[in-house]
């Protein structure tokens, strides 16, 4: 993987340093990990103009994962700083000492106070904005990244499938969420990709619901949203079930509407399609059924080293999907006081010639009565 990370830094260097002598300082943790393969807490990466890349941080060489080496195989040097030193300040100083006339920093990640502190460190060097250059580079995933996402999805499907085989009535949302997260780790995940949501009864269908001590009861809708994190890469799945022998008519009707909306959005995932067209595909189905205002601000989003990456599949989103971009498709409807339905999947955009969108989360979307 060292060659992969070196190649990523080279591409960033070509895009962000058109003038000779410029350098980039990357401080956002997910971006540091993307470019180096590791992100010790607080570490900052200097991408120099001539391949002089340095990772600054405070980590202990004996920590797990292992700490830095003097020079990595891909030419990345690491510097362990005293606890009182700011890695970002050390990085901009190093760039200035190497002759950089301008240093690009991630202004969207830095606080105003920290940015001012960096400027004071290098009074003769201009600080420019790197913007979201690394995030844009992260948008399209390589096959190693997609493989990690596939494994994360397999772990997630397995954990959810095991839960569905257990007795659910009488157990609390909180207990079920904790059990799911334990199962993710048992099956090889680094941890959950995001806080697991289990929602039952009137809570079901709520986006971002935090589990409570409400107990599962017969006749409830049960909505579960979870994901595994594997080698840093995160996936997401959401499913809705009915507790009892058979769902009520209103539950069947609502489920079919959300399922149709989710299917329409999934089918719209083709290279070249506008982000907002994917969102529109789901919203039109819900609007036709009288639930046009029920869908939240986005129908889906990118995933990778973070669970909420670009692109955003929303009504105002600008841009077009490319191949090898993993996204979620997650429409939902919540009826206040009654409950609701959410169906989330993680997919990778593929061309029709390659079989269309690749579904990573394969747990059945049939409305099961548990």
Protein backbone atom coordinates (compact mmCIF):
# COMPACT_ATOMS: atom_id res chain seq x y z
CA UNK A 1 0.00 0.00 0.00
CA UNK A 2 2.98 2.38 0.40
CA UNK A 3 3.14 2.91 -3.37
CA UNK A 4 -0.60 3.64 -3.39
CA UNK A 5 -0.24 6.35 -0.76
CA UNK A 6 2.79 7.83 -2.48
CA UNK A 7 0.81 7.99 -5.72
CA UNK A 8 -2.04 9.77 -3.96
CA UNK A 9 0.34 12.37 -2.58
CA UNK A 10 1.88 12.86 -6.02
CA UNK A 11 -1.52 13.54 -7.53
CA UNK A 12 -2.32 16.02 -4.78
CA UNK A 13 1.03 17.71 -5.32
CA UNK A 14 0.32 18.11 -9.03
CA UNK A 15 -3.09 19.61 -8.41
CA UNK A 16 -2.38 21.85 -5.45
CA UNK A 17 1.10 23.19 -6.14
CA UNK A 18 1.19 24.65 -9.65
CA UNK A 19 3.86 27.20 -8.63
CA UNK A 20 7.36 25.92 -7.89
CA UNK A 21 8.13 25.98 -4.21
CA UNK A 22 4.53 25.56 -2.95
CA UNK A 23 3.59 22.96 -0.35
CA UNK A 24 0.39 21.65 1.21
CA UNK A 25 -0.36 20.99 4.88
CA UNK A 26 -3.12 18.43 5.45
CA UNK A 27 -4.71 18.36 8.91
CA UNK A 28 -8.12 16.73 8.51
CA UNK A 29 -7.74 13.20 9.99
CA UNK A 30 -9.51 11.30 7.19
CA UNK A 31 -7.40 13.12 4.60
CA UNK A 32 -4.19 12.34 6.48
CA UNK A 33 -5.15 8.68 6.59
CA UNK A 34 -6.01 8.64 2.88
CA UNK A 35 -2.59 10.04 1.98
CA UNK A 36 -0.45 8.05 4.44
CA UNK A 37 -2.38 4.95 5.47
CA UNK A 38 -2.52 6.03 9.12
CA UNK A 39 -3.85 8.94 11.13
CA UNK A 40 -2.52 9.10 14.68
CA UNK A 41 -4.58 11.54 16.71
CA UNK A 42 -3.65 15.11 15.83
CA UNK A 43 -1.12 14.15 13.14
CA UNK A 44 -0.51 16.62 10.31
CA UNK A 45 0.96 15.85 6.89
CA UNK A 46 3.28 18.13 4.93
CA UNK A 47 3.21 17.42 1.19
CA UNK A 48 6.34 19.06 -0.15
CA UNK A 49 6.95 20.26 -3.68
CA UNK A 50 9.72 17.76 -4.48
CA UNK A 51 8.35 14.63 -2.84
CA UNK A 52 9.56 15.76 0.57
CA UNK A 53 6.60 14.54 2.58
CA UNK A 54 6.64 14.57 6.37
CA UNK A 55 4.11 13.36 8.93
CA UNK A 56 4.24 15.31 12.20
CA UNK A 57 2.64 14.08 15.41
CA UNK A 58 2.90 13.18 19.08
CA UNK A 59 2.29 9.43 18.96
CA UNK A 60 4.19 6.83 20.92
CA UNK A 61 6.30 4.51 18.70
CA UNK A 62 5.15 1.56 20.85
CA UNK A 63 1.45 2.22 20.25
CA UNK A 64 -0.90 0.00 18.27
CA UNK A 65 -0.95 0.48 15.32
CA UNK A 66 2.82 0.84 15.24
CA UNK A 67 4.25 4.30 15.41
CA UNK A 68 6.45 6.03 12.84
CA UNK A 69 9.63 4.91 11.24
CA UNK A 70 12.41 7.37 10.30
CA UNK A 71 11.72 6.89 6.58
CA UNK A 72 8.90 4.77 5.15
CA UNK A 73 9.26 2.69 1.99
CA UNK A 74 7.36 5.33 0.01
CA UNK A 75 9.61 8.19 1.11
CA UNK A 76 7.31 9.50 3.84
CA UNK A 77 9.36 10.77 6.77
CA UNK A 78 7.85 10.95 10.24
CA UNK A 79 8.67 13.35 13.04
CA UNK A 80 7.66 12.83 16.66
CA UNK A 81 7.10 16.18 18.38
CA UNK A 82 7.13 17.19 22.04
CA UNK A 83 3.63 17.27 23.49
CA UNK A 84 3.57 21.07 23.64
CA UNK A 85 4.31 21.53 19.91
CA UNK A 86 1.50 21.97 17.37
CA UNK A 87 2.04 19.57 14.41
CA UNK A 88 0.50 22.08 11.99
CA UNK A 89 2.94 24.78 13.09
CA UNK A 90 5.83 22.36 12.69
CA UNK A 91 4.62 21.51 9.19
CA UNK A 92 4.36 25.09 7.94
CA UNK A 93 7.75 25.93 9.46
CA UNK A 94 9.31 22.97 7.66
CA UNK A 95 7.74 24.08 4.38
CA UNK A 96 9.02 27.64 4.81
CA UNK A 97 12.51 26.43 5.69
CA UNK A 98 12.47 24.30 2.52
CA UNK A 99 11.84 27.44 0.48
CA UNK A 100 8.09 27.32 -0.08
CA UNK A 101 6.79 30.78 -1.01
CA UNK A 102 3.22 29.68 -0.34
CA UNK A 103 1.74 26.93 1.80
CA UNK A 104 -1.79 25.67 1.18
CA UNK A 105 -3.71 24.68 4.32
CA UNK A 106 -7.12 23.13 4.92
CA UNK A 107 -8.95 26.24 6.06
CA UNK A 108 -12.24 24.33 6.36
CA UNK A 109 -10.65 22.17 9.06
CA UNK A 110 -8.65 24.79 10.96
CA UNK A 111 -10.10 27.13 13.57
CA UNK A 112 -9.60 30.86 13.07
CA UNK A 113 -7.25 30.95 16.08
CA UNK A 114 -5.13 28.10 14.75
CA UNK A 115 -4.95 29.67 11.28
CA UNK A 116 -3.71 32.93 12.82
CA UNK A 117 -1.13 31.00 14.81
CA UNK A 118 0.16 29.36 11.63
CA UNK A 119 0.44 32.73 9.90
CA UNK A 120 2.53 34.06 12.78
CA UNK A 121 4.89 31.09 12.45
CA UNK A 122 5.84 31.94 8.86
CA UNK A 123 5.47 35.72 8.43
CA UNK A 124 7.30 35.73 5.13
CA UNK A 125 5.28 32.89 3.60
CA UNK A 126 1.77 33.20 2.17
CA UNK A 127 -0.92 30.86 3.51
CA UNK A 128 -3.40 29.86 0.82
CA UNK A 129 -6.47 27.65 0.98
CA UNK A 130 -6.09 24.03 -0.09
CA UNK A 131 -9.89 23.82 -0.01
CA UNK A 132 -11.37 20.37 -0.44
CA UNK A 133 -8.71 19.15 -2.87
CA UNK A 134 -8.13 15.93 -0.92
CA UNK A 135 -11.85 15.27 -0.48
CA UNK A 136 -12.32 15.64 -4.25
CA UNK A 137 -9.48 13.20 -4.84
CA UNK A 138 -11.07 10.75 -2.40
CA UNK A 139 -14.38 10.80 -4.29
CA UNK A 140 -13.51 8.01 -6.75
CA UNK A 141 -12.32 4.87 -4.98
CA UNK A 142 -9.67 2.46 -6.19
CA UNK A 143 -10.19 -1.29 -6.04
CA UNK A 144 -8.37 -1.66 -2.72
CA UNK A 145 -10.78 0.85 -1.17
CA UNK A 146 -13.80 -0.85 -2.70
CA UNK A 147 -12.56 -4.21 -1.42
CA UNK A 148 -12.42 -2.77 2.10
CA UNK A 149 -15.98 -1.48 1.67
CA UNK A 150 -17.13 -4.92 0.51
CA UNK A 151 -15.67 -6.53 3.61
CA UNK A 152 -17.30 -3.88 5.81
CA UNK A 153 -20.63 -4.62 4.13
CA UNK A 154 -20.22 -8.38 4.59
CA UNK A 155 -19.54 -7.90 8.29
CA UNK A 156 -22.58 -5.64 8.60
CA UNK A 157 -24.89 -8.06 6.80
CA UNK A 158 -23.68 -10.91 8.98
CA UNK A 159 -24.22 -9.01 12.24
CA UNK A 160 -27.72 -7.94 11.21
CA UNK A 161 -28.63 -11.42 10.02
CA UNK A 162 -27.66 -12.95 13.36
CA UNK A 163 -29.75 -10.41 15.26
CA UNK A 164 -32.82 -11.28 13.21
CA UNK A 165 -32.52 -14.90 14.33
CA UNK A 166 -32.77 -13.96 18.00
CA UNK A 167 -35.78 -13.17 20.19
CA UNK A 168 -36.55 -9.45 19.98
CA UNK A 169 -39.82 -8.89 21.85
CA UNK A 170 -39.23 -7.32 25.25
CA UNK A 171 -35.69 -6.15 24.55
CA UNK A 172 -34.86 -2.45 24.56
CA UNK A 173 -33.62 -0.38 21.63
CA UNK A 174 -30.46 0.38 23.56
CA UNK A 175 -29.75 -3.29 24.29
CA UNK A 176 -30.21 -4.28 20.65
CA UNK A 177 -27.94 -1.47 19.43
CA UNK A 178 -25.18 -2.52 21.82
CA UNK A 179 -25.50 -6.14 20.75
CA UNK A 180 -25.23 -5.19 17.08
CA UNK A 181 -22.07 -3.19 17.70
CA UNK A 182 -20.57 -6.09 19.64
CA UNK A 183 -21.36 -8.46 16.77
CA UNK A 184 -19.68 -6.11 14.29
CA UNK A 185 -16.44 -6.27 16.28
CA UNK A 186 -16.77 -10.03 16.80
CA UNK A 187 -16.85 -10.48 13.03
CA UNK A 188 -13.74 -8.41 12.35
CA UNK A 189 -14.81 -4.78 12.22
CA UNK A 190 -12.59 -2.05 13.64
CA UNK A 191 -15.81 -0.78 15.21
CA UNK A 192 -19.13 0.71 14.12
CA UNK A 193 -19.06 3.10 11.18
CA UNK A 194 -21.43 5.42 13.05
CA UNK A 195 -23.63 5.17 16.16
CA UNK A 196 -26.02 2.25 15.60
CA UNK A 197 -29.69 3.22 15.52
CA UNK A 198 -32.46 0.88 16.61
CA UNK A 199 -35.95 2.38 16.57
CA UNK A 200 -39.19 0.61 17.42
CA UNK A 201 -42.86 1.54 17.44
CA UNK A 202 -43.46 5.28 17.11
CA UNK A 203 -39.69 5.86 16.88
CA UNK A 204 -39.31 3.73 13.75
CA UNK A 205 -38.41 5.51 10.54
CA UNK A 206 -36.79 8.47 12.30
CA UNK A 207 -33.48 9.44 10.74
CA UNK A 208 -30.65 9.47 13.27
CA UNK A 209 -32.80 8.13 16.12
CA UNK A 210 -30.78 7.47 19.26
CA UNK A 211 -31.76 4.21 20.97
CA UNK A 212 -33.80 4.51 24.15
CA UNK A 213 -35.10 2.12 26.80
CA UNK A 214 -38.33 1.56 24.88
CA UNK A 215 -38.98 -2.17 24.55
CA UNK A 216 -39.90 -4.00 21.37
CA UNK A 217 -43.58 -4.92 21.27
CA UNK A 218 -45.78 -7.07 19.07
CA UNK A 219 -47.02 -5.18 16.02
CA UNK A 220 -44.16 -2.66 16.03
CA UNK A 221 -42.19 -1.52 13.07
CA UNK A 222 -38.50 -2.07 13.91
CA UNK A 223 -35.97 0.08 12.04
CA UNK A 224 -32.28 -0.78 12.29
CA UNK A 225 -29.44 1.31 10.82
CA UNK A 226 -25.84 0.23 11.26
CA UNK A 227 -22.53 -0.17 9.53
CA UNK A 228 -19.09 -1.64 10.07
CA UNK A 229 -15.76 0.16 9.86
CA UNK A 230 -13.05 -2.01 8.30
CA UNK A 231 -9.50 -0.72 7.75
CA UNK A 232 -10.98 2.73 8.13
CA UNK A 233 -13.67 2.30 5.44
CA UNK A 234 -17.33 2.57 6.38
CA UNK A 235 -20.57 1.24 4.97
CA UNK A 236 -24.22 1.72 5.90
CA UNK A 237 -27.32 -0.44 5.87
CA UNK A 238 -30.86 0.27 7.05
CA UNK A 239 -33.75 -2.15 7.20
CA UNK A 240 -37.29 -2.12 8.57
CA UNK A 241 -39.13 -5.15 9.91
CA UNK A 242 -42.43 -5.90 11.61
CA UNK A 243 -42.61 -7.57 15.00
CA UNK A 244 -45.35 -10.20 15.05
CA UNK A 245 -46.99 -12.71 12.76
CA UNK A 246 -48.13 -10.39 9.98
CA UNK A 247 -47.94 -6.65 9.23
CA UNK A 248 -50.99 -4.40 9.25
CA UNK A 249 -52.32 -3.03 5.97
CA UNK A 250 -50.95 0.47 6.61
CA UNK A 251 -47.52 -0.99 7.33
CA UNK A 252 -47.51 -2.94 4.07
CA UNK A 253 -48.63 0.11 2.11
CA UNK A 254 -46.01 2.41 3.63
CA UNK A 255 -43.25 -0.14 3.21
CA UNK A 256 -44.08 -0.65 -0.47
CA UNK A 257 -43.92 3.09 -1.12
CA UNK A 258 -40.51 3.50 0.51
CA UNK A 259 -39.21 0.37 -1.20
CA UNK A 260 -40.34 1.72 -4.59
CA UNK A 261 -38.62 5.05 -3.90
CA UNK A 262 -35.42 3.31 -2.90
CA UNK A 263 -35.48 1.10 -5.98
CA UNK A 264 -36.03 4.11 -8.26
CA UNK A 265 -33.01 5.88 -6.79
CA UNK A 266 -30.84 2.77 -6.99
CA UNK A 267 -31.74 2.29 -10.65
CA UNK A 268 -30.78 5.92 -11.35
CA UNK A 269 -27.18 5.33 -10.21
CA UNK A 270 -25.31 5.44 -13.51
CA UNK A 271 -22.09 7.25 -14.47
CA UNK A 272 -22.86 10.73 -15.75
CA UNK A 273 -26.20 11.18 -13.98
CA UNK A 274 -26.63 14.37 -11.99
CA UNK A 275 -26.64 13.99 -8.22
CA UNK A 276 -30.01 15.73 -7.98
CA UNK A 277 -31.55 13.34 -10.53
CA UNK A 278 -30.95 10.42 -8.17
CA UNK A 279 -32.61 12.39 -5.39
CA UNK A 280 -35.50 13.32 -7.67
CA UNK A 281 -36.12 9.69 -8.61
CA UNK A 282 -36.89 8.85 -4.97
CA UNK A 283 -38.81 12.05 -4.19
CA UNK A 284 -41.16 11.68 -7.12
CA UNK A 285 -42.27 8.25 -5.91
CA UNK A 286 -42.88 9.51 -2.38
CA UNK A 287 -44.66 12.65 -3.59
CA UNK A 288 -47.02 10.61 -5.75
CA UNK A 289 -47.99 8.62 -2.65
CA UNK A 290 -48.61 11.75 -0.57
CA UNK A 291 -45.32 11.67 1.32
CA UNK A 292 -43.44 14.34 -0.61
CA UNK A 293 -42.41 16.27 2.49
CA UNK A 294 -41.33 13.21 4.47
CA UNK A 295 -37.92 12.72 2.88
CA UNK A 296 -35.09 14.58 4.58
CA UNK A 297 -32.60 16.93 2.92
CA UNK A 298 -30.69 14.13 1.18
CA UNK A 299 -31.57 10.79 -0.39
CA UNK A 300 -28.03 9.55 0.02
CA UNK A 301 -24.35 10.45 0.30
CA UNK A 302 -20.88 9.18 -0.36
CA UNK A 303 -19.07 6.77 1.95
CA UNK A 304 -15.45 5.82 2.46
CA UNK A 305 -13.13 6.86 5.25
CA UNK A 306 -16.08 8.90 6.52
CA UNK A 307 -19.74 7.98 6.56
CA UNK A 308 -20.94 11.31 5.17
CA UNK A 309 -18.60 12.03 2.28
CA UNK A 310 -19.33 13.74 -1.00
CA UNK A 311 -21.31 13.46 -3.16
CA UNK A 312 -24.57 14.59 -1.60
CA UNK A 313 -27.65 13.26 -3.37
CA UNK A 314 -29.98 16.19 -2.73
CA UNK A 315 -32.31 18.51 -4.68
CA UNK A 316 -29.73 21.31 -4.95
CA UNK A 317 -26.58 19.20 -5.36
CA UNK A 318 -24.42 20.09 -8.35
CA UNK A 319 -22.29 17.54 -10.13
CA UNK A 320 -22.46 14.18 -11.84
CA UNK A 321 -21.70 10.69 -10.63
CA UNK A 322 -18.62 8.93 -11.87
CA UNK A 323 -17.81 5.21 -11.91
CA UNK A 324 -16.34 3.68 -8.75
CA UNK A 325 -18.04 6.19 -6.48
CA UNK A 326 -19.68 4.46 -3.47
CA UNK A 327 -22.88 6.04 -2.20
CA UNK A 328 -25.82 5.28 0.04
CA UNK A 329 -29.44 5.33 -1.07
CA UNK A 330 -31.62 5.81 2.02
CA UNK A 331 -35.15 7.16 1.63
CA UNK A 332 -37.50 7.00 4.58
CA UNK A 333 -40.94 8.09 5.77
CA UNK A 334 -41.92 8.68 9.39
CA UNK A 335 -45.56 9.11 10.43
CA UNK A 336 -45.65 10.99 13.74
CA UNK A 337 -47.15 8.89 16.50
CA UNK A 338 -47.25 5.74 14.37
CA UNK A 339 -43.77 4.96 13.10
CA UNK A 340 -42.20 4.58 9.73
CA UNK A 341 -39.87 2.91 7.29
CA UNK A 342 -36.27 3.42 6.27
CA UNK A 343 -34.36 1.34 3.72
CA UNK A 344 -30.64 2.09 3.32
CA UNK A 345 -28.09 0.44 1.04
CA UNK A 346 -24.48 1.05 0.13
CA UNK A 347 -23.70 0.71 -3.57
CA UNK A 348 -20.83 1.43 -5.95
CA UNK A 349 -21.65 3.28 -9.17
CA UNK A 350 -20.85 1.12 -12.19
CA UNK A 351 -21.65 1.49 -15.88
CA UNK A 352 -24.39 -0.64 -17.47
CA UNK A 353 -21.64 -2.48 -19.36
CA UNK A 354 -20.18 -3.47 -15.99
CA UNK A 355 -23.52 -4.69 -14.68
CA UNK A 356 -24.88 -1.44 -13.25
CA UNK A 357 -24.64 -0.33 -9.65
CA UNK A 358 -22.91 -2.86 -7.40
CA UNK A 359 -24.97 -3.56 -4.29
CA UNK A 360 -22.69 -4.12 -1.29
CA UNK A 361 -25.30 -4.56 1.46
CA UNK A 362 -27.33 -7.61 0.53
CA UNK A 363 -29.56 -8.34 3.54
CA UNK A 364 -33.06 -8.94 2.19
CA UNK A 365 -35.36 -5.98 1.68
CA UNK A 366 -38.44 -8.14 1.97
CA UNK A 367 -40.81 -6.94 4.73
CA UNK A 368 -40.14 -9.71 7.23
CA UNK A 369 -42.33 -10.41 10.24
CA UNK A 370 -39.98 -11.32 13.08
